[in-house]
C-alpha atoms as a PDB file:
ATOM      1  CA  MET A   1      15.391 -32.284  -7.389  1.00  0.00           C
ATOM      2  CA  PRO A   2      18.730 -30.545  -6.522  1.00  0.00           C
ATOM      3  CA  TRP A   3      18.406 -26.865  -5.638  1.00  0.00           C
ATOM      4  CA  CYS A   4      21.070 -25.933  -8.182  1.00  0.00           C
ATOM      5  CA  GLU A   5      18.870 -26.841 -11.141  1.00  0.00           C
ATOM      6  CA  PRO A   6      16.974 -24.009 -12.856  1.00  0.00           C
ATOM      7  CA  ILE A   7      13.579 -23.126 -11.457  1.00  0.00           C
ATOM      8  CA  THR A   8      10.753 -21.341 -13.181  1.00  0.00           C
ATOM      9  CA  ILE A   9       8.648 -18.890 -11.231  1.00  0.00           C
ATOM     10  CA  ALA A  10       5.100 -18.730 -12.543  1.00  0.00           C
ATOM     11  CA  ARG A  11       4.370 -15.473 -14.366  1.00  0.00           C
ATOM     12  CA  ASN A  12       1.152 -13.824 -15.428  1.00  0.00           C
ATOM     13  CA  MET A  13       1.198 -13.402 -19.202  1.00  0.00           C
ATOM     14  CA  THR A  14      -0.857 -10.219 -18.880  1.00  0.00           C
ATOM     15  CA  ARG A  15       1.852  -8.411 -16.952  1.00  0.00           C
ATOM     16  CA  ARG A  16       2.902  -5.090 -18.314  1.00  0.00           C
ATOM     17  CA  CYS A  17       5.239  -2.290 -17.381  1.00  0.00           C
ATOM     18  CA  THR A  18       3.242   0.815 -16.629  1.00  0.00           C
ATOM     19  CA  TRP A  19       3.383   4.182 -14.960  1.00  0.00           C
ATOM     20  CA  PRO A  20       1.060   4.917 -12.055  1.00  0.00           C
ATOM     21  CA  ARG A  21      -2.496   5.954 -12.786  1.00  0.00           C
ATOM     22  CA  LEU A  22      -2.526   9.596 -11.717  1.00  0.00           C
ATOM     23  CA  PRO A  23      -5.310  12.090 -10.990  1.00  0.00           C
ATOM     24  CA  THR A  24      -6.714  13.958 -13.986  1.00  0.00           C
ATOM     25  CA  CYS A  25      -5.541  17.225 -12.475  1.00  0.00           C
ATOM     26  CA  TRP A  26      -1.916  15.989 -12.370  1.00  0.00           C
ATOM     27  CA  ALA A  27      -0.747  18.076 -15.310  1.00  0.00           C
ATOM     28  CA  GLU A  28      -2.409  21.198 -13.924  1.00  0.00           C
ATOM     29  CA  ARG A  29      -0.761  21.259 -10.542  1.00  0.00           C
ATOM     30  CA  PRO A  30       2.850  21.852  -9.417  1.00  0.00           C
ATOM     31  CA  LEU A  31       5.117  18.997  -8.401  1.00  0.00           C
ATOM     32  CA  SER A  32       4.088  17.457  -5.093  1.00  0.00           C
ATOM     33  CA  ARG A  33       6.313  15.723  -2.588  1.00  0.00           C
ATOM     34  CA  CYS A  34       5.414  12.430  -4.268  1.00  0.00           C
ATOM     35  CA  ASP A  35       7.134  13.641  -7.443  1.00  0.00           C
ATOM     36  CA  VAL A  36      10.308  14.948  -5.835  1.00  0.00           C
ATOM     37  CA  PRO A  37      12.222  11.632  -5.393  1.00  0.00           C
ATOM     38  CA  ARG A  38      11.751  10.608  -9.028  1.00  0.00           C
ATOM     39  CA  PHE A  39      12.448  14.124 -10.349  1.00  0.00           C
ATOM     40  CA  ILE A  40      15.693  14.429  -8.387  1.00  0.00           C
ATOM     41  CA  MET A  41      16.798  10.916  -9.334  1.00  0.00           C
ATOM     42  CA  ARG A  42      16.175  11.495 -13.047  1.00  0.00           C
ATOM     43  CA  LEU A  43      17.956  14.852 -12.911  1.00  0.00           C
ATOM     44  CA  GLN A  44      20.993  13.333 -11.212  1.00  0.00           C
ATOM     45  CA  LYS A  45      21.133  10.534 -13.759  1.00  0.00           C
ATOM     46  CA  ALA A  46      20.800  12.971 -16.640  1.00  0.00           C
ATOM     47  CA  LEU A  47      23.721  14.998 -15.306  1.00  0.00           C
ATOM     48  CA  LEU A  48      25.826  11.857 -14.954  1.00  0.00           C
ATOM     49  CA  TYR A  49      24.920  10.837 -18.493  1.00  0.00           C
ATOM     50  CA  THR A  50      26.090  14.251 -19.740  1.00  0.00           C
ATOM     51  CA  LEU A  51      29.318  13.853 -17.782  1.00  0.00           C
ATOM     52  CA  PHE A  52      29.853  10.370 -19.201  1.00  0.00           C
ATOM     53  CA  VAL A  53      29.412  11.556 -22.800  1.00  0.00           C
ATOM     54  CA  ALA A  54      31.722  14.502 -22.174  1.00  0.00           C
ATOM     55  CA  LEU A  55      34.394  12.209 -20.802  1.00  0.00           C
ATOM     56  CA  LEU A  56      33.957   9.810 -23.691  1.00  0.00           C
ATOM     57  CA  PHE A  57      34.472  12.454 -26.358  1.00  0.00           C
ATOM     58  CA  GLY A  58      36.915  14.539 -24.359  1.00  0.00           C
ATOM     59  CA  GLN A  59      39.201  11.524 -23.997  1.00  0.00           C
ATOM     60  CA  GLY A  60      38.196   9.825 -27.193  1.00  0.00           C
ATOM     61  CA  VAL A  61      41.580   8.381 -28.104  1.00  0.00           C
ATOM     62  CA  ALA A  62      42.127   6.836 -24.694  1.00  0.00           C
ATOM     63  CA  VAL A  63      38.595   5.414 -24.408  1.00  0.00           C
ATOM     64  CA  ILE A  64      38.186   4.135 -27.938  1.00  0.00           C
ATOM     65  CA  HIS A  65      41.700   2.971 -28.733  1.00  0.00           C
ATOM     66  CA  GLY A  66      43.025   2.505 -25.224  1.00  0.00           C
ATOM     67  CA  ASP A  67      46.515   1.679 -24.062  1.00  0.00           C
ATOM     68  CA  GLU A  68      48.147  -1.161 -25.980  1.00  0.00           C
ATOM     69  CA  HIS A  69      48.539  -3.073 -22.711  1.00  0.00           C
ATOM     70  CA  GLU A  70      44.998  -2.417 -21.494  1.00  0.00           C
ATOM     71  CA  VAL A  71      42.795  -5.474 -20.977  1.00  0.00           C
ATOM     72  CA  THR A  72      39.037  -5.214 -21.508  1.00  0.00           C
ATOM     73  CA  ILE A  73      36.707  -7.163 -19.234  1.00  0.00           C
ATOM     74  CA  ILE A  74      33.366  -7.757 -20.950  1.00  0.00           C
ATOM     75  CA  ALA A  75      30.601  -8.094 -18.378  1.00  0.00           C
ATOM     76  CA  GLY A  76      27.033  -9.052 -19.206  1.00  0.00           C
ATOM     77  CA  THR A  77      23.643  -8.588 -17.618  1.00  0.00           C
ATOM     78  CA  SER A  78      20.019  -8.872 -18.710  1.00  0.00           C
ATOM     79  CA  GLU A  79      17.063  -6.524 -18.637  1.00  0.00           C
ATOM     80  CA  GLU A  80      15.376  -9.075 -16.360  1.00  0.00           C
ATOM     81  CA  SER A  81      18.038  -8.492 -13.703  1.00  0.00           C
ATOM     82  CA  LEU A  82      18.264  -4.694 -13.863  1.00  0.00           C
ATOM     83  CA  LEU A  83      17.039  -3.127 -10.632  1.00  0.00           C
ATOM     84  CA  ASP A  84      15.610   0.407 -10.629  1.00  0.00           C
ATOM     85  CA  SER A  85      17.517   1.419 -13.767  1.00  0.00           C
ATOM     86  CA  THR A  86      17.171   1.506 -17.545  1.00  0.00           C
ATOM     87  CA  VAL A  87      19.644  -0.139 -19.910  1.00  0.00           C
ATOM     88  CA  THR A  88      21.340   3.210 -20.554  1.00  0.00           C
ATOM     89  CA  GLU A  89      21.544   4.035 -16.858  1.00  0.00           C
ATOM     90  CA  ALA A  90      23.026   0.614 -16.092  1.00  0.00           C
ATOM     91  CA  LYS A  91      25.744   1.017 -18.719  1.00  0.00           C
ATOM     92  CA  ILE A  92      26.622   4.499 -17.493  1.00  0.00           C
ATOM     93  CA  SER A  93      26.727   3.558 -13.810  1.00  0.00           C
ATOM     94  CA  PHE A  94      28.733   0.396 -14.501  1.00  0.00           C
ATOM     95  CA  SER A  95      31.304   2.281 -16.594  1.00  0.00           C
ATOM     96  CA  LEU A  96      31.601   5.202 -14.179  1.00  0.00           C
ATOM     97  CA  LEU A  97      31.849   3.106 -11.035  1.00  0.00           C
ATOM     98  CA  PHE A  98      34.003   0.171 -12.029  1.00  0.00           C
ATOM     99  CA  ASN A  99      36.392   1.945 -14.374  1.00  0.00           C
ATOM    100  CA  GLU A 100      36.904   4.773 -11.903  1.00  0.00           C
ATOM    101  CA  ALA A 101      37.457   2.254  -9.113  1.00  0.00           C
ATOM    102  CA  ILE A 102      40.103   0.276 -11.022  1.00  0.00           C
ATOM    103  CA  GLU A 103      41.715   3.206 -12.859  1.00  0.00           C
ATOM    104  CA  LYS A 104      45.133   2.338 -11.403  1.00  0.00           C
ATOM    105  CA  THR A 105      45.082  -1.110 -13.026  1.00  0.00           C
ATOM    106  CA  ASN A 106      45.397  -1.987 -16.714  1.00  0.00           C
ATOM    107  CA  GLU A 107      41.881  -3.479 -16.732  1.00  0.00           C
ATOM    108  CA  ARG A 108      38.751  -1.806 -18.125  1.00  0.00           C
ATOM    109  CA  PHE A 109      35.100  -2.883 -17.906  1.00  0.00           C
ATOM    110  CA  ILE A 110      32.374  -2.655 -20.516  1.00  0.00           C
ATOM    111  CA  LEU A 111      28.800  -3.850 -19.968  1.00  0.00           C
ATOM    112  CA  GLU A 112      26.626  -5.678 -22.495  1.00  0.00           C
ATOM    113  CA  VAL A 113      22.902  -5.856 -21.737  1.00  0.00           C
ATOM    114  CA  TYR A 114      20.760  -8.699 -23.127  1.00  0.00           C
ATOM    115  CA  GLU A 115      16.993  -9.008 -23.062  1.00  0.00           C
ATOM    116  CA  THR A 116      16.764 -12.261 -21.100  1.00  0.00           C
ATOM    117  CA  ASN A 117      18.744 -14.347 -18.642  1.00  0.00           C
ATOM    118  CA  GLU A 118      18.736 -17.146 -21.208  1.00  0.00           C
ATOM    119  CA  GLN A 119      20.591 -14.939 -23.694  1.00  0.00           C
ATOM    120  CA  LEU A 120      23.002 -13.865 -20.968  1.00  0.00           C
ATOM    121  CA  GLN A 121      23.684 -17.479 -20.044  1.00  0.00           C
ATOM    122  CA  SER A 122      24.198 -18.434 -23.691  1.00  0.00           C
ATOM    123  CA  GLN A 123      26.849 -15.726 -24.100  1.00  0.00           C
ATOM    124  CA  LEU A 124      28.581 -16.835 -20.898  1.00  0.00           C
ATOM    125  CA  LEU A 125      28.713 -20.479 -21.974  1.00  0.00           C
ATOM    126  CA  ALA A 126      29.962 -19.457 -25.432  1.00  0.00           C
ATOM    127  CA  GLY A 127      32.938 -17.738 -23.810  1.00  0.00           C
ATOM    128  CA  GLU A 128      31.869 -14.268 -24.948  1.00  0.00           C
ATOM    129  CA  LEU A 129      31.702 -12.811 -21.428  1.00  0.00           C
ATOM    130  CA  ASP A 130      34.291 -12.442 -18.678  1.00  0.00           C
ATOM    131  CA  ALA A 131      31.754 -11.637 -15.960  1.00  0.00           C
ATOM    132  CA  VAL A 132      28.014 -11.581 -15.269  1.00  0.00           C
ATOM    133  CA  PHE A 133      25.842  -9.211 -13.257  1.00  0.00           C
ATOM    134  CA  THR A 134      22.603 -10.994 -12.402  1.00  0.00           C
ATOM    135  CA  ASN A 135      19.965 -11.825  -9.802  1.00  0.00           C
ATOM    136  CA  THR A 136      20.846 -14.359  -7.121  1.00  0.00           C
ATOM    137  CA  ILE A 137      18.574 -17.101  -8.474  1.00  0.00           C
ATOM    138  CA  HIS A 138      20.189 -16.981 -11.901  1.00  0.00           C
ATOM    139  CA  TYR A 139      23.652 -16.792 -10.328  1.00  0.00           C
ATOM    140  CA  LEU A 140      22.982 -20.055  -8.466  1.00  0.00           C
ATOM    141  CA  GLN A 141      21.848 -21.669 -11.723  1.00  0.00           C
ATOM    142  CA  VAL A 142      25.087 -20.813 -13.567  1.00  0.00           C
ATOM    143  CA  LYS A 143      27.565 -20.760 -10.669  1.00  0.00           C
ATOM    144  CA  ASP A 144      29.368 -23.873 -11.935  1.00  0.00           C
ATOM    145  CA  HIS A 145      30.573 -21.705 -14.821  1.00  0.00           C
ATOM    146  CA  LEU A 146      31.695 -18.882 -12.501  1.00  0.00           C
ATOM    147  CA  ASN A 147      34.623 -18.395 -10.141  1.00  0.00           C
ATOM    148  CA  PRO A 148      33.471 -18.394  -6.493  1.00  0.00           C
ATOM    149  CA  ASN A 149      36.615 -16.470  -5.519  1.00  0.00           C
ATOM    150  CA  GLY A 150      35.525 -13.641  -7.806  1.00  0.00           C
ATOM    151  CA  SER A 151      31.864 -13.376  -6.789  1.00  0.00           C
ATOM    152  CA  TYR A 152      30.454 -10.283  -5.072  1.00  0.00           C
ATOM    153  CA  VAL A 153      27.121  -9.139  -3.674  1.00  0.00           C
ATOM    154  CA  VAL A 154      25.810  -5.866  -5.074  1.00  0.00           C
ATOM    155  CA  GLN A 155      24.528  -4.070  -1.984  1.00  0.00           C
ATOM    156  CA  HIS A 156      21.659  -1.600  -2.296  1.00  0.00           C
ATOM    157  CA  GLY A 157      20.578   0.179   0.856  1.00  0.00           C
ATOM    158  CA  PRO A 158      22.044  -0.157   4.369  1.00  0.00           C
ATOM    159  CA  SER A 159      22.051  -3.974   4.515  1.00  0.00           C
ATOM    160  CA  VAL A 160      23.843  -6.497   2.326  1.00  0.00           C
ATOM    161  CA  LYS A 161      20.765  -8.693   2.783  1.00  0.00           C
ATOM    162  CA  PRO A 162      17.658  -6.506   2.470  1.00  0.00           C
ATOM    163  CA  LYS A 163      14.116  -7.693   3.154  1.00  0.00           C
ATOM    164  CA  TYR A 164      11.076  -7.590   0.892  1.00  0.00           C
ATOM    165  CA  TYR A 165       7.941  -5.842   2.133  1.00  0.00           C
ATOM    166  CA  LEU A 166       4.420  -6.700   1.022  1.00  0.00           C
ATOM    167  CA  LEU A 167       2.486  -3.444   1.277  1.00  0.00           C
ATOM    168  CA  THR A 168      -1.202  -2.561   1.266  1.00  0.00           C
ATOM    169  CA  LYS A 169      -3.097   0.653   1.892  1.00  0.00           C
ATOM    170  CA  LYS A 170      -4.379   0.828   5.465  1.00  0.00           C
ATOM    171  CA  SER A 171      -7.742   2.206   4.378  1.00  0.00           C
ATOM    172  CA  SER A 172      -8.380  -0.960   2.324  1.00  0.00           C
ATOM    173  CA  GLY A 173      -8.702  -3.070   5.461  1.00  0.00           C
ATOM    174  CA  ILE A 174      -6.400  -5.710   3.932  1.00  0.00           C
ATOM    175  CA  GLU A 175      -4.174  -7.025   6.721  1.00  0.00           C
ATOM    176  CA  ARG A 176      -3.606 -10.654   5.664  1.00  0.00           C
ATOM    177  CA  VAL A 177      -2.181 -12.123   2.480  1.00  0.00           C
ATOM    178  CA  ASP A 178      -5.256 -14.306   1.854  1.00  0.00           C
ATOM    179  CA  GLN A 179      -7.367 -11.129   1.571  1.00  0.00           C
ATOM    180  CA  LEU A 180      -5.473 -10.238  -1.623  1.00  0.00           C
ATOM    181  CA  SER A 181      -7.113 -13.021  -3.645  1.00  0.00           C
ATOM    182  CA  GLY A 182      -8.240 -11.615  -7.002  1.00  0.00           C
ATOM    183  CA  LYS A 183      -6.589  -8.261  -6.270  1.00  0.00           C
ATOM    184  CA  ARG A 184      -3.908  -6.326  -8.180  1.00  0.00           C
ATOM    185  CA  ILE A 185      -0.252  -6.129  -7.163  1.00  0.00           C
ATOM    186  CA  ALA A 186       2.658  -3.992  -8.413  1.00  0.00           C
ATOM    187  CA  ILE A 187       6.156  -5.494  -8.570  1.00  0.00           C
ATOM    188  CA  PRO A 188       9.233  -3.671  -9.925  1.00  0.00           C
ATOM    189  CA  GLN A 189      11.407  -5.155 -12.642  1.00  0.00           C
ATOM    190  CA  GLY A 190      14.499  -6.997 -11.406  1.00  0.00           C
ATOM    191  CA  TYR A 191      12.682  -8.493  -8.411  1.00  0.00           C
ATOM    192  CA  ALA A 192      13.230 -12.179  -9.202  1.00  0.00           C
ATOM    193  CA  VAL A 193      14.129 -13.031  -5.597  1.00  0.00           C
ATOM    194  CA  GLY A 194      11.144 -11.032  -4.367  1.00  0.00           C
ATOM    195  CA  GLU A 195       8.809 -12.892  -6.719  1.00  0.00           C
ATOM    196  CA  LEU A 196      10.213 -16.165  -5.402  1.00  0.00           C
ATOM    197  CA  PHE A 197       9.508 -15.049  -1.830  1.00  0.00           C
ATOM    198  CA  LEU A 198       5.967 -14.024  -2.790  1.00  0.00           C
ATOM    199  CA  ASP A 199       5.162 -17.400  -4.357  1.00  0.00           C
ATOM    200  CA  VAL A 200       6.578 -19.240  -1.336  1.00  0.00           C
ATOM    201  CA  LEU A 201       4.585 -16.980   0.997  1.00  0.00           C
ATOM    202  CA  LEU A 202       1.365 -17.759  -0.858  1.00  0.00           C
ATOM    203  CA  MET A 203       2.015 -21.512  -0.906  1.00  0.00           C
ATOM    204  CA  ARG A 204       2.805 -21.489   2.834  1.00  0.00           C
ATOM    205  CA  HIS A 205      -0.782 -20.322   3.344  1.00  0.00           C
ATOM    206  CA  GLY A 206      -2.127 -22.999   1.007  1.00  0.00           C
ATOM    207  CA  LEU A 207      -2.805 -20.418  -1.715  1.00  0.00           C
ATOM    208  CA  PRO A 208      -2.040 -20.542  -5.467  1.00  0.00           C
ATOM    209  CA  LYS A 209       1.108 -18.956  -6.884  1.00  0.00           C
ATOM    210  CA  SER A 210       1.004 -15.290  -7.807  1.00  0.00           C
ATOM    211  CA  ASP A 211       0.027 -15.742 -11.473  1.00  0.00           C
ATOM    212  CA  ARG A 212      -3.213 -17.478 -10.416  1.00  0.00           C
ATOM    213  CA  PHE A 213      -3.789 -15.730  -7.094  1.00  0.00           C
ATOM    214  CA  PHE A 214      -3.811 -12.105  -8.278  1.00  0.00           C
ATOM    215  CA  SER A 215      -6.067 -10.717 -10.992  1.00  0.00           C
ATOM    216  CA  GLU A 216      -3.131  -8.638 -12.254  1.00  0.00           C
ATOM    217  CA  VAL A 217       0.602  -8.577 -11.572  1.00  0.00           C
ATOM    218  CA  ARG A 218       1.756  -5.184 -12.787  1.00  0.00           C
ATOM    219  CA  MET A 219       5.471  -4.906 -13.538  1.00  0.00           C
ATOM    220  CA  THR A 220       6.672  -1.352 -12.951  1.00  0.00           C
ATOM    221  CA  SER A 221       9.862   0.309 -14.137  1.00  0.00           C
ATOM    222  CA  ASP A 222      11.223   0.869 -10.626  1.00  0.00           C
ATOM    223  CA  SER A 223      10.477   0.472  -6.928  1.00  0.00           C
ATOM    224  CA  ASN A 224       9.193   4.012  -6.466  1.00  0.00           C
ATOM    225  CA  SER A 225       6.609   3.478  -9.219  1.00  0.00           C
ATOM    226  CA  SER A 226       5.237   0.427  -7.409  1.00  0.00           C
ATOM    227  CA  VAL A 227       4.841   2.401  -4.181  1.00  0.00           C
ATOM    228  CA  ILE A 228       3.124   5.270  -6.017  1.00  0.00           C
ATOM    229  CA  ASN A 229       0.802   2.843  -7.824  1.00  0.00           C
ATOM    230  CA  LEU A 230      -0.354   1.622  -4.411  1.00  0.00           C
ATOM    231  CA  PHE A 231      -0.524   5.096  -2.879  1.00  0.00           C
ATOM    232  CA  PHE A 232      -2.878   6.296  -5.638  1.00  0.00           C
ATOM    233  CA  GLU A 233      -4.893   3.031  -5.430  1.00  0.00           C
ATOM    234  CA  SER A 234      -4.013   1.948  -8.958  1.00  0.00           C
ATOM    235  CA  VAL A 235      -3.234  -1.443  -7.374  1.00  0.00           C
ATOM    236  CA  ASP A 236      -4.191  -3.129  -4.116  1.00  0.00           C
ATOM    237  CA  ALA A 237      -0.708  -4.221  -3.004  1.00  0.00           C
ATOM    238  CA  ALA A 238       2.961  -3.691  -3.788  1.00  0.00           C
ATOM    239  CA  LEU A 239       6.128  -5.717  -3.250  1.00  0.00           C
ATOM    240  CA  VAL A 240       9.235  -3.604  -2.644  1.00  0.00           C
ATOM    241  CA  LEU A 241      12.603  -3.832  -0.920  1.00  0.00           C
ATOM    242  CA  ASP A 242      12.797  -2.400   2.590  1.00  0.00           C
ATOM    243  CA  TYR A 243      15.178   0.423   1.724  1.00  0.00           C
ATOM    244  CA  ALA A 244      13.007   1.503  -1.227  1.00  0.00           C
ATOM    245  CA  TYR A 245      10.009   1.719   1.103  1.00  0.00           C
ATOM    246  CA  ASP A 246      12.049   3.653   3.670  1.00  0.00           C
ATOM    247  CA  VAL A 247      13.229   6.192   1.078  1.00  0.00           C
ATOM    248  CA  ALA A 248       9.709   6.715  -0.298  1.00  0.00           C
ATOM    249  CA  THR A 249       8.088   7.162   3.116  1.00  0.00           C
ATOM    250  CA  GLU A 250      10.839   9.404   4.487  1.00  0.00           C
ATOM    251  CA  LEU A 251      10.322  11.803   1.587  1.00  0.00           C
ATOM    252  CA  ASN A 252       6.536  11.677   1.847  1.00  0.00           C
ATOM    253  CA  LEU A 253       5.072  11.321   5.328  1.00  0.00           C
ATOM    254  CA  GLN A 254       1.584  10.747   3.905  1.00  0.00           C
ATOM    255  CA  MET A 255       2.823   7.474   2.433  1.00  0.00           C
ATOM    256  CA  LYS A 256       4.050   6.312   5.823  1.00  0.00           C
ATOM    257  CA  LYS A 257       0.677   7.155   7.356  1.00  0.00           C
ATOM    258  CA  GLN A 258      -1.395   5.488   4.644  1.00  0.00           C
ATOM    259  CA  LEU A 259       0.662   2.410   3.691  1.00  0.00           C
ATOM    260  CA  GLY A 260       1.124  -0.659   5.859  1.00  0.00           C
ATOM    261  CA  VAL A 261       3.522  -3.622   5.806  1.00  0.00           C
ATOM    262  CA  ILE A 262       1.593  -6.894   6.112  1.00  0.00           C
ATOM    263  CA  GLU A 263       4.414  -9.379   5.347  1.00  0.00           C
ATOM    264  CA  VAL A 264       8.222  -9.268   5.563  1.00  0.00           C
ATOM    265  CA  SER A 265      10.690 -11.695   3.997  1.00  0.00           C
ATOM    266  CA  GLN A 266      13.805 -13.090   5.600  1.00  0.00           C
ATOM    267  CA  PRO A 267      17.033 -11.193   4.721  1.00  0.00           C
ATOM    268  CA  LEU A 268      17.870 -12.065   1.099  1.00  0.00           C
ATOM    269  CA  VAL A 269      20.709 -11.208  -1.282  1.00  0.00           C
ATOM    270  CA  HIS A 270      19.153 -10.096  -4.558  1.00  0.00           C
ATOM    271  CA  GLN A 271      22.064  -9.301  -6.937  1.00  0.00           C
ATOM    272  CA  VAL A 272      25.499 -10.801  -7.573  1.00  0.00           C
ATOM    273  CA  VAL A 273      28.360  -9.987  -9.937  1.00  0.00           C
ATOM    274  CA  SER A 274      30.897 -12.709 -10.707  1.00  0.00           C
ATOM    275  CA  VAL A 275      33.756 -13.476 -13.096  1.00  0.00           C
ATOM    276  CA  ARG A 276      33.747 -16.666 -15.135  1.00  0.00           C
ATOM    277  CA  SER A 277      35.380 -19.871 -13.918  1.00  0.00           C
ATOM    278  CA  ASP A 278      38.653 -19.536 -15.862  1.00  0.00           C
ATOM    279  CA  PHE A 279      39.272 -15.944 -14.755  1.00  0.00           C
ATOM    280  CA  SER A 280      42.707 -16.163 -13.119  1.00  0.00           C
ATOM    281  CA  GLN A 281      43.212 -15.701  -9.393  1.00  0.00           C
ATOM    282  CA  GLN A 282      46.028 -13.273 -10.167  1.00  0.00           C
ATOM    283  CA  ARG A 283      43.618 -10.948 -11.982  1.00  0.00           C
ATOM    284  CA  ILE A 284      41.043 -11.305  -9.196  1.00  0.00           C
ATOM    285  CA  ASP A 285      43.666 -10.383  -6.597  1.00  0.00           C
ATOM    286  CA  GLY A 286      44.597  -7.320  -8.634  1.00  0.00           C
ATOM    287  CA  LEU A 287      41.018  -6.067  -9.023  1.00  0.00           C
ATOM    288  CA  GLU A 288      39.370  -7.066  -5.748  1.00  0.00           C
ATOM    289  CA  PRO A 289      40.823  -4.395  -3.411  1.00  0.00           C
ATOM    290  CA  TYR A 290      39.511  -1.651  -5.694  1.00  0.00           C
ATOM    291  CA  VAL A 291      36.073  -3.238  -6.123  1.00  0.00           C
ATOM    292  CA  LEU A 292      35.567  -3.878  -2.406  1.00  0.00           C
ATOM    293  CA  ASN A 293      36.663  -0.378  -1.418  1.00  0.00           C
ATOM    294  CA  MET A 294      34.875   1.736  -4.023  1.00  0.00           C
ATOM    295  CA  HIS A 295      32.353   2.898  -1.404  1.00  0.00           C
ATOM    296  CA  ASN A 296      35.246   4.439   0.546  1.00  0.00           C
ATOM    297  CA  THR A 297      36.324   6.536  -2.439  1.00  0.00           C
ATOM    298  CA  PRO A 298      34.943  10.093  -1.998  1.00  0.00           C
ATOM    299  CA  LYS A 299      34.629  10.826  -5.719  1.00  0.00           C
ATOM    300  CA  LEU A 300      32.604   7.637  -6.273  1.00  0.00           C
ATOM    301  CA  HIS A 301      30.278   8.140  -3.321  1.00  0.00           C
ATOM    302  CA  GLU A 302      27.826  10.450  -5.092  1.00  0.00           C
ATOM    303  CA  THR A 303      27.663   8.237  -8.190  1.00  0.00           C
ATOM    304  CA  MET A 304      26.957   5.176  -6.052  1.00  0.00           C
ATOM    305  CA  LYS A 305      24.310   7.098  -4.127  1.00  0.00           C
ATOM    306  CA  THR A 306      22.596   8.212  -7.339  1.00  0.00           C
ATOM    307  CA  PHE A 307      22.296   4.625  -8.556  1.00  0.00           C
ATOM    308  CA  ARG A 308      21.419   3.339  -5.061  1.00  0.00           C
ATOM    309  CA  ILE A 309      24.530   1.169  -4.826  1.00  0.00           C
ATOM    310  CA  THR A 310      25.962   1.096  -1.314  1.00  0.00           C
ATOM    311  CA  ALA A 311      28.900  -1.291  -1.608  1.00  0.00           C
ATOM    312  CA  MET A 312      30.262  -4.498  -3.101  1.00  0.00           C
ATOM    313  CA  LYS A 313      30.735  -7.373  -0.660  1.00  0.00           C
ATOM    314  CA  LYS A 314      32.519 -10.688  -1.132  1.00  0.00           C
ATOM    315  CA  VAL A 315      30.287 -13.753  -1.465  1.00  0.00           C
ATOM    316  CA  LYS A 316      31.232 -16.106   1.368  1.00  0.00           C
ATOM    317  CA  GLU A 317      30.195 -19.668   2.156  1.00  0.00           C
ATOM    318  CA  ASN A 318      26.828 -18.833   3.749  1.00  0.00           C
ATOM    319  CA  THR A 319      26.111 -15.490   2.079  1.00  0.00           C
ATOM    320  CA  LEU A 320      23.418 -16.941  -0.179  1.00  0.00           C
ATOM    321  CA  ALA A 321      22.096 -19.561   2.265  1.00  0.00           C
ATOM    322  CA  GLU A 322      18.686 -17.899   2.721  1.00  0.00           C
ATOM    323  CA  VAL A 323      18.036 -17.758  -1.023  1.00  0.00           C
ATOM    324  CA  GLN A 324      19.098 -21.389  -1.402  1.00  0.00           C
ATOM    325  CA  GLN A 325      16.705 -22.380   1.390  1.00  0.00           C
ATOM    326  CA  LEU A 326      13.911 -20.394  -0.251  1.00  0.00           C
ATOM    327  CA  ILE A 327      14.505 -22.190  -3.563  1.00  0.00           C
ATOM    328  CA  SER A 328      14.341 -25.552  -1.791  1.00  0.00           C
ATOM    329  CA  GLU A 329      11.108 -24.572  -0.035  1.00  0.00           C
ATOM    330  CA  TYR A 330       9.629 -23.368  -3.326  1.00  0.00           C
ATOM    331  CA  ARG A 331      10.326 -26.741  -4.950  1.00  0.00           C
ATOM    332  CA  ARG A 332       8.987 -28.689  -1.990  1.00  0.00           C
ATOM    333  CA  LEU A 333       5.757 -26.680  -1.794  1.00  0.00           C
ATOM    334  CA  SER A 334       5.305 -26.738  -5.574  1.00  0.00           C
ATOM    335  CA  SER A 335       5.649 -30.510  -5.616  1.00  0.00           C
ATOM    336  CA  LYS A 336       3.178 -30.828  -2.740  1.00  0.00           C
ATOM    337  CA  SER A 337       0.583 -28.569  -4.380  1.00  0.00           C
ATOM    338  CA  GLU A 338       0.825 -30.415  -7.697  1.00  0.00           C
ATOM    339  CA  SER A 339       0.548 -33.921  -6.226  1.00  0.00           C
ATOM    340  CA  PRO A 340      -2.938 -35.538  -6.409  1.00  0.00           C
END
């Protein structure tokens, strides 16, 4: 089966998005160092939301009616592909970053968020979208309808290709993946590539896929929540990106002492933004310098930092090779495990 065909990663139907199970005395004590990262992040995002609304109403005529020569680029994403952000936060960050970056052009971005990748794909094929913002697996499935010259990696953290960490608590004595059979794992939303890695990892060891291997796969709202779930022993393992683990453990040294990394993925691109196939090269050439250099713009730096976006990088010939290889391995191992 060609790697470019859609794949389905097995999912546990009992998954749910949940907050960490906290001690009963939580409400009676002051904020601890565990709470600080989330509190600061939410405060920063709230301030940016206030700024966004103020700009919207303060420049109402320009934003709502726009210049008669202004061209609107409608981009789409899905809730399944959002990483460490809510729908509202994604719309705000997208508008602030991209429109500020390309303010000297006559182009303007708006972001539509759909519930599923299937809905996103349907809108793309219907010609309702000019661009998509999605996980790498879904990008590879629809890339024939996208323009490779206008495709960019969304970089979070210090590396354009981060790694996924499988974490356990050191006190549990769990040091191998096979010891997690029947245990609980926390995985953040938007981790499609990470879930693919996890299933391949399990099958490499001759184990069932995650939906049958774990007793519960708990989908959390963000990476920090998954780490905290593990730290407070609400789950037995967590799957997070390397930079998310680094941020959490740098802010709380107890986490670094008590949590251990038992498996590490190869470097993998996890998010891509791309314009559709008939998007002209002339428009791409006009927008690309601004998009690729937004991280060098001082006034955008803090906004990017708040939403954990480091940079946008051009997708080149071998940029997604590791994810493509992982998809091929997933199909090969799945076929082998299902054969009599």
